[in-house]
Amino acid sequence: PLIYGASSEVWATGQSAQRLGGNPLSRFNWELGAWNTAADWYFENHKQAQNAFQMVDTRARANRTLAMVVPMLGWVAKDDHSFGFPRSAFKEQRKFDPYRADAGDGAAPNGDPLPPGPPEQTSMPAPPELIEGWIRRLVAEGEQRGGKGVQIYILDNEPSLWNTTHRDVRPKPLSYDELLERSIKYARAIRQADPKAMIAGPAEWGWLGYNYSALDREGGYSSAKDQKAHGGVPLVPWYLKKMAEYEQANHVRLLDYLDLHFYPA
């Protein structure tokens, strides 16, 4: 029943599960219903029609199976109107939003990325404790409703692309070690809040993301210094081994599904 899922809602086709995810969920503020468009559209905060609790409740009452991205990047939208590269602070930019003239694309006229301002320009910290609190609320609402709202929690979205997609709050490329550290911290928070949760990761973006870290990409795949520092083992097999070692040492399972994205182009 979990094979034919979709990110949209096309249940009449036989769809049996829905993924609530993608770049918007990396910085989705569950309580405000606000998210950041990141590099996809001028690093802008926007308001969703519903917050995460309402979205889950609507689908749960319709008996839908949900897989939901959980923010692990460390920042979520603080409001529904800020943007990362305002014209007032970055006067010369390659492009500005035609519908929101003060919001820039974060690139100099020649295309070079501009150094971002402080993350607080658009976002607020989202440590594991905040995520744990949100999931405890999801679980409590499910118990009141008489049915679980989220069946699978996904550890963020395409983390090795954070320093490009979300570079206004995360310009630093992610390493093997930090991916593992964040995965363990946030997965532990999920497990503590929802002991029956199914957890998926690392939600990497494609072939290069399966094999190398963002640190390797920025430093050059030919040298792959981060991979070499981890025994020359490609990222995903190394990640699985380390998550298994954590489980064996601590008797807590933090990963139930291997989640990989695939772009055939």
Protein backbone atom coordinates (compact mmCIF):
# COMPACT_ATOMS: atom_id res chain seq x y z
CA PRO A 1 0.00 0.00 0.00
CA LEU A 2 2.96 2.37 0.33
CA ILE A 3 4.34 1.82 -3.19
CA TYR A 4 2.17 4.29 -5.07
CA GLY A 5 2.51 7.58 -3.27
CA ALA A 6 2.61 11.13 -4.55
CA SER A 7 3.46 14.64 -3.38
CA SER A 8 0.16 15.94 -4.72
CA GLU A 9 -3.32 14.64 -3.95
CA VAL A 10 -4.61 12.50 -6.82
CA TRP A 11 -6.38 9.84 -4.80
CA ALA A 12 -8.74 8.92 -7.65
CA THR A 13 -5.76 7.42 -9.52
CA GLY A 14 -5.24 4.80 -6.85
CA GLN A 15 -2.70 6.83 -4.87
CA SER A 16 -2.38 5.23 -1.44
CA ALA A 17 -0.01 7.60 0.39
CA GLN A 18 1.07 11.24 0.28
CA ARG A 19 4.42 12.86 0.97
CA LEU A 20 4.32 16.31 2.50
CA GLY A 21 7.82 17.46 1.74
CA GLY A 22 10.23 19.19 -0.58
CA ASN A 23 12.24 22.36 -0.02
CA PRO A 24 9.34 24.28 1.62
CA LEU A 25 9.15 21.83 4.52
CA SER A 26 12.85 22.29 5.39
CA ARG A 27 11.95 25.65 6.90
CA PHE A 28 8.24 25.17 7.52
CA ASN A 29 7.03 26.66 10.80
CA TRP A 30 4.35 24.16 11.80
CA GLU A 31 2.57 26.53 14.18
CA LEU A 32 2.54 29.62 11.96
CA GLY A 33 1.90 27.78 8.71
CA ALA A 34 4.77 29.84 7.24
CA TRP A 35 7.63 28.65 5.05
CA ASN A 36 10.53 30.00 3.02
CA THR A 37 10.79 29.59 -0.76
CA ALA A 38 14.62 29.58 -0.51
CA ALA A 39 16.57 29.70 -3.80
CA ASP A 40 13.52 28.38 -5.65
CA TRP A 41 11.95 31.85 -5.45
CA TYR A 42 13.88 34.79 -3.99
CA PHE A 43 14.30 33.40 -0.44
CA GLU A 44 10.88 34.66 0.64
CA ASN A 45 8.69 33.76 3.60
CA HIS A 46 5.10 33.00 2.69
CA LYS A 47 1.94 31.92 4.46
CA GLN A 48 0.35 28.55 3.79
CA ALA A 49 -3.40 28.21 3.92
CA GLN A 50 -2.99 25.79 6.86
CA ASN A 51 -0.43 24.97 9.50
CA ALA A 52 0.99 21.44 9.68
CA PHE A 53 -1.41 20.37 12.41
CA GLN A 54 -4.42 21.34 10.29
CA MET A 55 -2.97 19.66 7.18
CA VAL A 56 -2.34 16.42 9.06
CA ASP A 57 -5.75 16.49 10.75
CA THR A 58 -7.58 16.98 7.43
CA ARG A 59 -5.83 14.01 5.83
CA ALA A 60 -6.03 11.81 8.91
CA ARG A 61 -9.80 12.28 9.10
CA ALA A 62 -9.93 11.12 5.48
CA ASN A 63 -7.88 8.05 6.50
CA ARG A 64 -4.86 9.03 4.39
CA THR A 65 -1.35 7.65 4.92
CA LEU A 66 1.22 10.44 5.29
CA ALA A 67 4.99 10.73 5.08
CA MET A 68 6.06 14.15 6.32
CA VAL A 69 9.38 16.00 6.18
CA VAL A 70 10.65 17.15 9.56
CA PRO A 71 12.91 20.24 9.59
CA MET A 72 16.48 19.30 10.51
CA LEU A 73 18.30 22.27 8.98
CA GLY A 74 18.01 24.20 12.26
CA TRP A 75 16.00 27.21 11.07
CA VAL A 76 12.33 27.74 10.20
CA ALA A 77 10.42 30.78 8.95
CA LYS A 78 9.83 33.34 11.68
CA ASP A 79 6.93 35.06 9.90
CA ASP A 80 5.05 35.10 6.59
CA HIS A 81 6.59 38.19 4.95
CA SER A 82 10.38 38.49 5.43
CA PHE A 83 12.95 37.71 2.72
CA GLY A 84 16.63 36.87 2.75
CA PHE A 85 18.21 39.39 0.38
CA PRO A 86 16.33 42.71 0.69
CA ARG A 87 17.19 45.49 -1.73
CA SER A 88 17.86 47.81 1.22
CA ALA A 89 20.82 45.65 2.30
CA PHE A 90 21.86 44.26 -1.11
CA LYS A 91 21.24 47.05 -3.61
CA GLU A 92 22.94 45.44 -6.63
CA GLN A 93 21.51 42.00 -7.43
CA ARG A 94 21.03 39.99 -10.58
CA LYS A 95 17.24 39.86 -10.30
CA PHE A 96 14.40 41.01 -8.11
CA ASP A 97 11.01 39.37 -7.70
CA PRO A 98 8.68 40.96 -10.29
CA TYR A 99 5.82 40.66 -7.78
CA ARG A 100 7.76 41.77 -4.71
CA ALA A 101 10.26 44.35 -5.85
CA ASP A 102 12.35 44.46 -2.68
CA ALA A 103 13.16 40.73 -2.67
CA GLY A 104 16.37 39.82 -4.51
CA ASP A 105 17.77 36.50 -5.73
CA GLY A 106 20.93 36.73 -3.64
CA ALA A 107 23.30 36.93 -6.61
CA ALA A 108 25.50 39.79 -7.79
CA PRO A 109 24.85 41.15 -11.31
CA ASN A 110 27.58 38.82 -12.63
CA GLY A 111 25.85 35.81 -11.04
CA ASP A 112 28.21 35.31 -8.11
CA PRO A 113 26.43 34.45 -4.85
CA LEU A 114 26.32 37.29 -2.34
CA PRO A 115 27.34 36.61 1.28
CA PRO A 116 24.07 36.34 3.20
CA GLY A 117 23.00 38.41 6.17
CA PRO A 118 22.10 36.89 9.55
CA PRO A 119 19.68 33.91 9.48
CA GLU A 120 17.38 35.89 11.77
CA GLN A 121 16.52 38.04 8.74
CA THR A 122 13.89 35.45 7.83
CA SER A 123 14.11 32.65 10.34
CA MET A 124 14.06 31.47 13.95
CA PRO A 125 16.08 28.59 15.47
CA ALA A 126 14.48 25.15 15.24
CA PRO A 127 16.49 22.85 17.54
CA PRO A 128 15.50 19.21 18.14
CA GLU A 129 13.58 20.25 21.25
CA LEU A 130 11.21 22.40 19.18
CA ILE A 131 10.63 19.56 16.72
CA GLU A 132 10.00 17.15 19.59
CA GLY A 133 7.37 19.51 21.00
CA TRP A 134 5.61 19.76 17.64
CA ILE A 135 5.53 15.99 17.20
CA ARG A 136 4.25 15.47 20.74
CA ARG A 137 1.37 17.74 19.81
CA LEU A 138 0.75 15.72 16.61
CA VAL A 139 0.68 12.52 18.67
CA ALA A 140 -1.66 14.01 21.27
CA GLU A 141 -4.06 15.26 18.60
CA GLY A 142 -3.98 11.82 16.96
CA GLU A 143 -4.88 10.16 20.27
CA GLN A 144 -7.82 12.54 20.69
CA ARG A 145 -8.92 11.88 17.12
CA GLY A 146 -8.49 8.12 17.49
CA GLY A 147 -6.05 7.72 14.60
CA LYS A 148 -2.38 8.37 13.88
CA GLY A 149 -1.80 11.42 11.68
CA VAL A 150 1.73 10.86 10.35
CA GLN A 151 2.98 7.34 9.65
CA ILE A 152 6.50 8.22 8.40
CA TYR A 153 8.72 11.15 9.39
CA ILE A 154 11.41 12.11 6.85
CA LEU A 155 14.66 13.66 8.09
CA ASP A 156 14.50 16.90 6.12
CA ASN A 157 15.00 17.23 2.37
CA GLU A 158 18.18 16.91 0.27
CA PRO A 159 20.59 18.04 3.01
CA SER A 160 23.69 18.08 0.80
CA LEU A 161 22.05 20.92 -1.15
CA TRP A 162 21.25 23.07 1.88
CA ASN A 163 24.20 25.39 1.26
CA THR A 164 22.81 26.28 -2.18
CA THR A 165 19.04 25.91 -1.77
CA HIS A 166 18.92 27.47 1.70
CA ARG A 167 22.20 29.35 1.63
CA ASP A 168 20.66 32.50 3.16
CA VAL A 169 20.60 30.64 6.50
CA ARG A 170 23.00 27.77 5.78
CA PRO A 171 25.96 28.83 3.57
CA LYS A 172 28.29 26.21 5.08
CA PRO A 173 28.45 22.90 3.14
CA LEU A 174 27.33 19.84 5.11
CA SER A 175 29.91 17.17 5.92
CA TYR A 176 29.54 13.43 6.53
CA ASP A 177 29.93 13.97 10.28
CA GLU A 178 27.42 16.80 10.60
CA LEU A 179 24.82 14.91 8.56
CA LEU A 180 25.14 12.00 10.96
CA GLU A 181 25.14 14.25 14.04
CA ARG A 182 22.01 16.09 12.94
CA SER A 183 20.28 12.89 11.86
CA ILE A 184 20.85 11.31 15.28
CA LYS A 185 19.77 14.38 17.26
CA TYR A 186 16.57 14.99 15.31
CA ALA A 187 15.69 11.31 14.94
CA ARG A 188 16.09 10.90 18.71
CA ALA A 189 13.70 13.81 19.23
CA ILE A 190 11.20 12.18 16.88
CA ARG A 191 11.55 8.81 18.60
CA GLN A 192 11.10 10.35 22.05
CA ALA A 193 7.96 12.18 20.95
CA ASP A 194 6.49 9.29 18.96
CA PRO A 195 7.92 5.89 19.99
CA LYS A 196 5.91 4.15 17.25
CA ALA A 197 7.17 6.48 14.50
CA MET A 198 8.71 5.21 11.29
CA ILE A 199 11.69 7.40 10.39
CA ALA A 200 13.21 7.85 6.91
CA GLY A 201 16.47 9.42 5.75
CA PRO A 202 18.73 10.86 4.48
CA ALA A 203 16.45 12.07 1.61
CA GLU A 204 19.42 12.78 -0.65
CA TRP A 205 18.94 14.37 -4.03
CA GLY A 206 20.70 12.16 -6.60
CA TRP A 207 23.65 10.04 -7.62
CA LEU A 208 26.33 12.52 -6.50
CA GLY A 209 24.46 13.02 -3.24
CA TYR A 210 24.48 9.27 -2.61
CA ASN A 211 28.26 9.16 -2.95
CA TYR A 212 29.60 12.50 -1.71
CA SER A 213 28.89 15.20 0.85
CA ALA A 214 28.29 18.86 0.15
CA LEU A 215 31.80 19.45 1.47
CA ASP A 216 33.13 17.16 -1.28
CA ARG A 217 31.10 19.01 -3.89
CA GLU A 218 32.41 22.40 -2.83
CA GLY A 219 35.99 21.14 -2.60
CA GLY A 220 35.82 19.22 -5.88
CA TYR A 221 34.70 15.65 -6.53
CA SER A 222 38.12 14.78 -7.92
CA SER A 223 39.70 15.25 -4.51
CA ALA A 224 36.67 14.15 -2.41
CA LYS A 225 38.51 14.96 0.80
CA ASP A 226 35.51 14.34 3.04
CA GLN A 227 34.87 10.91 1.54
CA LYS A 228 38.56 10.00 1.77
CA ALA A 229 38.56 11.08 5.43
CA HIS A 230 35.86 8.46 5.99
CA GLY A 231 37.70 5.52 4.50
CA GLY A 232 36.71 6.25 0.90
CA VAL A 233 33.21 4.89 1.64
CA PRO A 234 30.39 6.59 -0.32
CA LEU A 235 28.06 8.72 1.81
CA VAL A 236 24.94 6.54 1.90
CA PRO A 237 26.63 3.22 2.84
CA TRP A 238 28.64 5.08 5.50
CA TYR A 239 25.45 6.73 6.83
CA LEU A 240 23.61 3.39 7.04
CA LYS A 241 26.54 1.76 8.83
CA LYS A 242 26.74 4.54 11.40
CA MET A 243 22.99 4.57 12.03
CA ALA A 244 23.12 0.80 12.53
CA GLU A 245 26.04 1.15 14.93
CA TYR A 246 24.09 3.71 16.94
CA GLU A 247 21.12 1.35 17.14
CA GLN A 248 23.28 -1.56 18.28
CA ALA A 249 25.07 0.52 20.91
CA ASN A 250 22.01 2.31 22.30
CA HIS A 251 19.19 -0.18 21.58
CA VAL A 252 17.19 2.58 19.90
CA ARG A 253 16.30 2.39 16.23
CA LEU A 254 16.58 5.80 14.57
CA LEU A 255 16.18 4.80 10.90
CA ASP A 256 13.45 2.57 9.47
CA TYR A 257 13.54 3.52 5.78
CA LEU A 258 16.31 4.51 3.39
CA ASP A 259 14.98 7.56 1.56
CA LEU A 260 16.65 8.56 -1.72
CA HIS A 261 15.54 10.89 -4.50
CA PHE A 262 16.29 10.22 -8.16
CA TYR A 263 16.46 12.72 -11.02
CA PRO A 264 16.90 10.76 -14.26
CA ALA A 265 17.81 13.85 -16.26
